[in-house]
Amino acid sequence: MKRKKIGSSVYLLALLLFIILFFIKEFGLFTDSNINSAVPLPANLHPVVEERSQKLIQQAAKKGIVIVITDGFRSAEEQNRLYEKGRTAGGDVVTYAKGGESYHNFGLAVDFALKTQSGNVIWDMQYDGNQNGKADWAEVVQMAKTLGFEWGGDWAQFKDYPHLQMDFGLTIAELQQGERPPGDSSLVADTN
């Protein structure tokens, strides 16, 4: 009888410990961040990402498409607030990346939307405002890829359709460890 009671107690204790650790990790009560604090985090978009974003806006305008960059560089604190959406804050889940886990946090990503002729900002992937028979969203994505951006809509897991990034061959882990892309625009795709 004692053995059964001890076994149940050990099981309950292990389960309780697992639940506590899950909540601590999930809600950030402690951080296991791998960010190298010796290397300062960026505070702005990388110059190449900024330049290519402006080129994208200009190229789209030439095709009669008005795009708006709705988000660029994002601090870790801002990222954590977004991460809470659909979890501890209201709304839908908009990201699976916590602070320090997004290319936005390193100035290497932007999000975009379309602006209609009436001035509304929309995320309608079927909208054809320039009336050329092609979805403006698809046209923008194609231009962005030509400029060297990777599109979040191509991702296998969580599709992030407004997201464009340039990773310069660096993973999030490498960025967290302090590696940074050079500022030379010749290191990304040609823009013709």
C-alpha atoms as a PDB file:
ATOM      1  CA  MET A   1       0.000   0.000   0.000  1.00  0.00           C
ATOM      2  CA  LYS A   2       2.818   2.389   0.941  1.00  0.00           C
ATOM      3  CA  ARG A   3       4.631   1.632  -2.305  1.00  0.00           C
ATOM      4  CA  LYS A   4       1.523   2.505  -4.353  1.00  0.00           C
ATOM      5  CA  LYS A   5       1.093   5.764  -2.399  1.00  0.00           C
ATOM      6  CA  ILE A   6       4.752   6.717  -2.924  1.00  0.00           C
ATOM      7  CA  GLY A   7       4.511   5.927  -6.648  1.00  0.00           C
ATOM      8  CA  SER A   8       1.416   8.110  -7.008  1.00  0.00           C
ATOM      9  CA  SER A   9       3.077  10.929  -5.081  1.00  0.00           C
ATOM     10  CA  VAL A  10       6.194  10.790  -7.260  1.00  0.00           C
ATOM     11  CA  TYR A  11       4.032  10.797 -10.396  1.00  0.00           C
ATOM     12  CA  LEU A  12       2.007  13.789  -9.170  1.00  0.00           C
ATOM     13  CA  LEU A  13       5.163  15.660  -8.171  1.00  0.00           C
ATOM     14  CA  ALA A  14       6.743  15.036 -11.586  1.00  0.00           C
ATOM     15  CA  LEU A  15       3.568  16.156 -13.339  1.00  0.00           C
ATOM     16  CA  LEU A  16       3.368  19.297 -11.213  1.00  0.00           C
ATOM     17  CA  LEU A  17       7.028  20.093 -11.914  1.00  0.00           C
ATOM     18  CA  PHE A  18       6.454  19.635 -15.654  1.00  0.00           C
ATOM     19  CA  ILE A  19       3.435  21.974 -15.587  1.00  0.00           C
ATOM     20  CA  ILE A  20       5.349  24.631 -13.642  1.00  0.00           C
ATOM     21  CA  LEU A  21       8.321  24.500 -16.026  1.00  0.00           C
ATOM     22  CA  PHE A  22       5.985  24.666 -19.033  1.00  0.00           C
ATOM     23  CA  PHE A  23       4.312  27.822 -17.743  1.00  0.00           C
ATOM     24  CA  ILE A  24       7.621  29.416 -16.772  1.00  0.00           C
ATOM     25  CA  LYS A  25       9.015  28.860 -20.280  1.00  0.00           C
ATOM     26  CA  GLU A  26       5.804  29.701 -22.166  1.00  0.00           C
ATOM     27  CA  PHE A  27       5.104  32.937 -20.324  1.00  0.00           C
ATOM     28  CA  GLY A  28       8.699  34.116 -20.028  1.00  0.00           C
ATOM     29  CA  LEU A  29       9.078  34.007 -16.274  1.00  0.00           C
ATOM     30  CA  PHE A  30      12.716  33.244 -16.972  1.00  0.00           C
ATOM     31  CA  THR A  31      14.584  33.706 -20.212  1.00  0.00           C
ATOM     32  CA  ASP A  32      16.884  31.297 -21.900  1.00  0.00           C
ATOM     33  CA  SER A  33      17.839  33.843 -24.500  1.00  0.00           C
ATOM     34  CA  ASN A  34      20.974  33.105 -26.413  1.00  0.00           C
ATOM     35  CA  ILE A  35      21.504  36.746 -27.327  1.00  0.00           C
ATOM     36  CA  ASN A  36      25.116  37.793 -26.969  1.00  0.00           C
ATOM     37  CA  SER A  37      24.899  40.958 -24.887  1.00  0.00           C
ATOM     38  CA  ALA A  38      28.471  41.942 -25.833  1.00  0.00           C
ATOM     39  CA  VAL A  39      27.330  42.750 -29.377  1.00  0.00           C
ATOM     40  CA  PRO A  40      24.811  45.588 -29.529  1.00  0.00           C
ATOM     41  CA  LEU A  41      21.469  44.878 -31.138  1.00  0.00           C
ATOM     42  CA  PRO A  42      20.529  47.048 -34.109  1.00  0.00           C
ATOM     43  CA  ALA A  43      18.113  49.912 -33.504  1.00  0.00           C
ATOM     44  CA  ASN A  44      17.040  50.439 -37.129  1.00  0.00           C
ATOM     45  CA  LEU A  45      16.548  48.619 -40.383  1.00  0.00           C
ATOM     46  CA  HIS A  46      19.761  47.415 -41.973  1.00  0.00           C
ATOM     47  CA  PRO A  47      20.785  49.949 -44.673  1.00  0.00           C
ATOM     48  CA  VAL A  48      20.378  47.401 -47.476  1.00  0.00           C
ATOM     49  CA  VAL A  49      16.916  46.370 -46.270  1.00  0.00           C
ATOM     50  CA  GLU A  50      15.936  50.041 -46.007  1.00  0.00           C
ATOM     51  CA  GLU A  51      17.275  50.800 -49.497  1.00  0.00           C
ATOM     52  CA  ARG A  52      15.592  47.778 -51.081  1.00  0.00           C
ATOM     53  CA  SER A  53      12.297  48.554 -49.314  1.00  0.00           C
ATOM     54  CA  GLN A  54      12.355  52.030 -50.869  1.00  0.00           C
ATOM     55  CA  LYS A  55      13.169  50.536 -54.286  1.00  0.00           C
ATOM     56  CA  LEU A  56      10.237  48.149 -53.862  1.00  0.00           C
ATOM     57  CA  ILE A  57       7.898  51.057 -53.123  1.00  0.00           C
ATOM     58  CA  GLN A  58       9.183  52.906 -56.212  1.00  0.00           C
ATOM     59  CA  GLN A  59       8.968  49.874 -58.521  1.00  0.00           C
ATOM     60  CA  ALA A  60       5.449  49.091 -57.351  1.00  0.00           C
ATOM     61  CA  ALA A  61       4.386  52.711 -57.895  1.00  0.00           C
ATOM     62  CA  LYS A  62       5.616  52.505 -61.510  1.00  0.00           C
ATOM     63  CA  LYS A  63       3.136  49.624 -61.973  1.00  0.00           C
ATOM     64  CA  GLY A  64       0.305  51.588 -60.377  1.00  0.00           C
ATOM     65  CA  ILE A  65       0.527  49.753 -57.031  1.00  0.00           C
ATOM     66  CA  VAL A  66       0.837  51.699 -53.806  1.00  0.00           C
ATOM     67  CA  ILE A  67       2.383  49.736 -50.966  1.00  0.00           C
ATOM     68  CA  VAL A  68       2.862  50.724 -47.367  1.00  0.00           C
ATOM     69  CA  ILE A  69       5.608  49.368 -45.126  1.00  0.00           C
ATOM     70  CA  THR A  70       3.547  48.657 -42.019  1.00  0.00           C
ATOM     71  CA  ASP A  71       6.410  47.402 -39.875  1.00  0.00           C
ATOM     72  CA  GLY A  72      10.192  47.323 -40.066  1.00  0.00           C
ATOM     73  CA  PHE A  73      12.670  47.187 -37.231  1.00  0.00           C
ATOM     74  CA  ARG A  74      11.020  45.928 -34.068  1.00  0.00           C
ATOM     75  CA  SER A  75      12.532  45.885 -30.574  1.00  0.00           C
ATOM     76  CA  ALA A  76      12.496  42.707 -28.504  1.00  0.00           C
ATOM     77  CA  GLU A  77       9.902  44.330 -26.232  1.00  0.00           C
ATOM     78  CA  GLU A  78       7.630  45.100 -29.202  1.00  0.00           C
ATOM     79  CA  GLN A  79       8.136  41.534 -30.445  1.00  0.00           C
ATOM     80  CA  ASN A  80       7.115  40.118 -27.068  1.00  0.00           C
ATOM     81  CA  ARG A  81       3.931  42.238 -27.098  1.00  0.00           C
ATOM     82  CA  LEU A  82       3.069  40.851 -30.546  1.00  0.00           C
ATOM     83  CA  TYR A  83       3.846  37.320 -29.350  1.00  0.00           C
ATOM     84  CA  GLU A  84       1.291  37.719 -26.554  1.00  0.00           C
ATOM     85  CA  LYS A  85      -1.530  38.345 -29.085  1.00  0.00           C
ATOM     86  CA  GLY A  86      -3.771  35.324 -29.171  1.00  0.00           C
ATOM     87  CA  ARG A  87      -2.118  33.974 -26.049  1.00  0.00           C
ATOM     88  CA  THR A  88      -2.321  36.198 -22.967  1.00  0.00           C
ATOM     89  CA  ALA A  89      -3.612  39.206 -24.935  1.00  0.00           C
ATOM     90  CA  GLY A  90      -6.707  39.391 -27.111  1.00  0.00           C
ATOM     91  CA  GLY A  91      -6.759  38.786 -30.842  1.00  0.00           C
ATOM     92  CA  ASP A  92      -5.356  36.139 -33.129  1.00  0.00           C
ATOM     93  CA  VAL A  93      -1.850  34.689 -32.977  1.00  0.00           C
ATOM     94  CA  VAL A  94       0.255  36.835 -35.304  1.00  0.00           C
ATOM     95  CA  THR A  95       3.739  35.434 -34.638  1.00  0.00           C
ATOM     96  CA  TYR A  96       5.491  32.442 -33.191  1.00  0.00           C
ATOM     97  CA  ALA A  97       8.676  34.441 -32.564  1.00  0.00           C
ATOM     98  CA  LYS A  98       9.428  35.906 -29.151  1.00  0.00           C
ATOM     99  CA  GLY A  99      11.726  38.902 -28.667  1.00  0.00           C
ATOM    100  CA  GLY A 100      15.131  38.190 -30.206  1.00  0.00           C
ATOM    101  CA  GLU A 101      13.733  35.396 -32.402  1.00  0.00           C
ATOM    102  CA  SER A 102      12.555  37.474 -35.379  1.00  0.00           C
ATOM    103  CA  TYR A 103      14.499  38.999 -38.246  1.00  0.00           C
ATOM    104  CA  HIS A 104      12.574  42.196 -37.446  1.00  0.00           C
ATOM    105  CA  ASN A 105      14.558  42.370 -34.168  1.00  0.00           C
ATOM    106  CA  PHE A 106      17.795  42.536 -36.159  1.00  0.00           C
ATOM    107  CA  GLY A 107      16.574  45.101 -38.718  1.00  0.00           C
ATOM    108  CA  LEU A 108      16.377  42.538 -41.506  1.00  0.00           C
ATOM    109  CA  ALA A 109      12.622  42.351 -42.166  1.00  0.00           C
ATOM    110  CA  VAL A 110       9.659  44.488 -43.150  1.00  0.00           C
ATOM    111  CA  ASP A 111       5.922  43.879 -43.425  1.00  0.00           C
ATOM    112  CA  PHE A 112       3.840  45.478 -46.148  1.00  0.00           C
ATOM    113  CA  ALA A 113       0.246  46.155 -47.135  1.00  0.00           C
ATOM    114  CA  LEU A 114      -1.499  47.637 -50.153  1.00  0.00           C
ATOM    115  CA  LYS A 115      -3.124  51.041 -50.303  1.00  0.00           C
ATOM    116  CA  THR A 116      -6.308  51.356 -52.355  1.00  0.00           C
ATOM    117  CA  GLN A 117      -7.213  54.344 -54.539  1.00  0.00           C
ATOM    118  CA  SER A 118      -9.545  55.498 -51.758  1.00  0.00           C
ATOM    119  CA  GLY A 119      -6.626  55.465 -49.288  1.00  0.00           C
ATOM    120  CA  ASN A 120      -7.547  52.329 -47.330  1.00  0.00           C
ATOM    121  CA  VAL A 121      -4.691  50.072 -46.233  1.00  0.00           C
ATOM    122  CA  ILE A 122      -5.549  46.442 -47.013  1.00  0.00           C
ATOM    123  CA  TRP A 123      -4.028  42.968 -46.848  1.00  0.00           C
ATOM    124  CA  ASP A 124      -6.189  41.556 -49.675  1.00  0.00           C
ATOM    125  CA  MET A 125      -4.039  39.173 -51.700  1.00  0.00           C
ATOM    126  CA  GLN A 126      -6.565  39.105 -54.565  1.00  0.00           C
ATOM    127  CA  TYR A 127      -6.917  42.899 -54.975  1.00  0.00           C
ATOM    128  CA  ASP A 128      -6.084  44.167 -58.487  1.00  0.00           C
ATOM    129  CA  GLY A 129      -6.027  47.933 -58.037  1.00  0.00           C
ATOM    130  CA  ASN A 130      -3.999  48.595 -61.185  1.00  0.00           C
ATOM    131  CA  GLN A 131      -6.485  46.454 -63.129  1.00  0.00           C
ATOM    132  CA  ASN A 132      -3.937  44.541 -65.170  1.00  0.00           C
ATOM    133  CA  GLY A 133      -5.492  41.140 -64.495  1.00  0.00           C
ATOM    134  CA  LYS A 134      -2.873  40.189 -61.892  1.00  0.00           C
ATOM    135  CA  ALA A 135      -3.200  40.378 -58.114  1.00  0.00           C
ATOM    136  CA  ASP A 136      -1.192  43.368 -56.875  1.00  0.00           C
ATOM    137  CA  TRP A 137       0.052  41.308 -53.919  1.00  0.00           C
ATOM    138  CA  ALA A 138       1.626  38.710 -56.228  1.00  0.00           C
ATOM    139  CA  GLU A 139       3.210  41.463 -58.298  1.00  0.00           C
ATOM    140  CA  VAL A 140       4.741  43.060 -55.199  1.00  0.00           C
ATOM    141  CA  VAL A 141       6.045  39.713 -53.943  1.00  0.00           C
ATOM    142  CA  GLN A 142       7.689  39.032 -57.310  1.00  0.00           C
ATOM    143  CA  MET A 143       9.348  42.458 -57.327  1.00  0.00           C
ATOM    144  CA  ALA A 144      10.512  41.924 -53.736  1.00  0.00           C
ATOM    145  CA  LYS A 145      12.090  38.583 -54.601  1.00  0.00           C
ATOM    146  CA  THR A 146      13.915  40.203 -57.512  1.00  0.00           C
ATOM    147  CA  LEU A 147      15.294  42.749 -55.040  1.00  0.00           C
ATOM    148  CA  GLY A 148      16.653  39.948 -52.842  1.00  0.00           C
ATOM    149  CA  PHE A 149      13.865  39.547 -50.281  1.00  0.00           C
ATOM    150  CA  GLU A 150      12.577  36.213 -49.018  1.00  0.00           C
ATOM    151  CA  TRP A 151       8.775  36.095 -48.696  1.00  0.00           C
ATOM    152  CA  GLY A 152       7.051  34.715 -45.587  1.00  0.00           C
ATOM    153  CA  GLY A 153       4.295  33.290 -47.808  1.00  0.00           C
ATOM    154  CA  ASP A 154       6.778  30.701 -49.103  1.00  0.00           C
ATOM    155  CA  TRP A 155       7.412  29.257 -45.647  1.00  0.00           C
ATOM    156  CA  ALA A 156       6.346  25.647 -45.075  1.00  0.00           C
ATOM    157  CA  GLN A 157       5.006  26.169 -41.548  1.00  0.00           C
ATOM    158  CA  PHE A 158       3.499  29.469 -40.423  1.00  0.00           C
ATOM    159  CA  LYS A 159       2.699  31.480 -43.552  1.00  0.00           C
ATOM    160  CA  ASP A 160       3.404  35.176 -42.960  1.00  0.00           C
ATOM    161  CA  TYR A 161       2.081  36.780 -46.139  1.00  0.00           C
ATOM    162  CA  PRO A 162       2.977  40.445 -45.406  1.00  0.00           C
ATOM    163  CA  HIS A 163       6.539  39.522 -44.326  1.00  0.00           C
ATOM    164  CA  LEU A 164       9.667  40.187 -46.398  1.00  0.00           C
ATOM    165  CA  GLN A 165      13.175  39.565 -45.075  1.00  0.00           C
ATOM    166  CA  MET A 166      16.830  39.501 -46.056  1.00  0.00           C
ATOM    167  CA  ASP A 167      18.785  37.102 -43.887  1.00  0.00           C
ATOM    168  CA  PHE A 168      22.185  37.552 -45.607  1.00  0.00           C
ATOM    169  CA  GLY A 169      22.751  33.835 -45.061  1.00  0.00           C
ATOM    170  CA  LEU A 170      22.530  34.218 -41.288  1.00  0.00           C
ATOM    171  CA  THR A 171      20.234  32.198 -39.048  1.00  0.00           C
ATOM    172  CA  ILE A 172      18.475  33.662 -36.027  1.00  0.00           C
ATOM    173  CA  ALA A 173      20.869  31.662 -33.813  1.00  0.00           C
ATOM    174  CA  GLU A 174      23.878  33.247 -35.532  1.00  0.00           C
ATOM    175  CA  LEU A 175      22.369  36.717 -35.142  1.00  0.00           C
ATOM    176  CA  GLN A 176      21.686  36.001 -31.459  1.00  0.00           C
ATOM    177  CA  GLN A 177      25.335  34.968 -31.051  1.00  0.00           C
ATOM    178  CA  GLY A 178      26.448  38.370 -32.339  1.00  0.00           C
ATOM    179  CA  GLU A 179      27.032  37.822 -36.043  1.00  0.00           C
ATOM    180  CA  ARG A 180      25.846  40.729 -38.174  1.00  0.00           C
ATOM    181  CA  PRO A 181      25.530  41.138 -41.921  1.00  0.00           C
ATOM    182  CA  PRO A 182      27.859  43.603 -43.581  1.00  0.00           C
ATOM    183  CA  GLY A 183      26.377  46.917 -44.696  1.00  0.00           C
ATOM    184  CA  ASP A 184      27.492  46.505 -48.307  1.00  0.00           C
ATOM    185  CA  SER A 185      24.544  46.394 -50.732  1.00  0.00           C
ATOM    186  CA  SER A 186      26.597  44.411 -53.259  1.00  0.00           C
ATOM    187  CA  LEU A 187      26.068  41.303 -51.131  1.00  0.00           C
ATOM    188  CA  VAL A 188      22.417  40.855 -52.099  1.00  0.00           C
ATOM    189  CA  ALA A 189      20.616  40.251 -55.372  1.00  0.00           C
ATOM    190  CA  ASP A 190      20.979  42.664 -58.284  1.00  0.00           C
ATOM    191  CA  THR A 191      18.100  45.049 -58.836  1.00  0.00           C
ATOM    192  CA  ASN A 192      18.328  45.836 -62.567  1.00  0.00           C
END
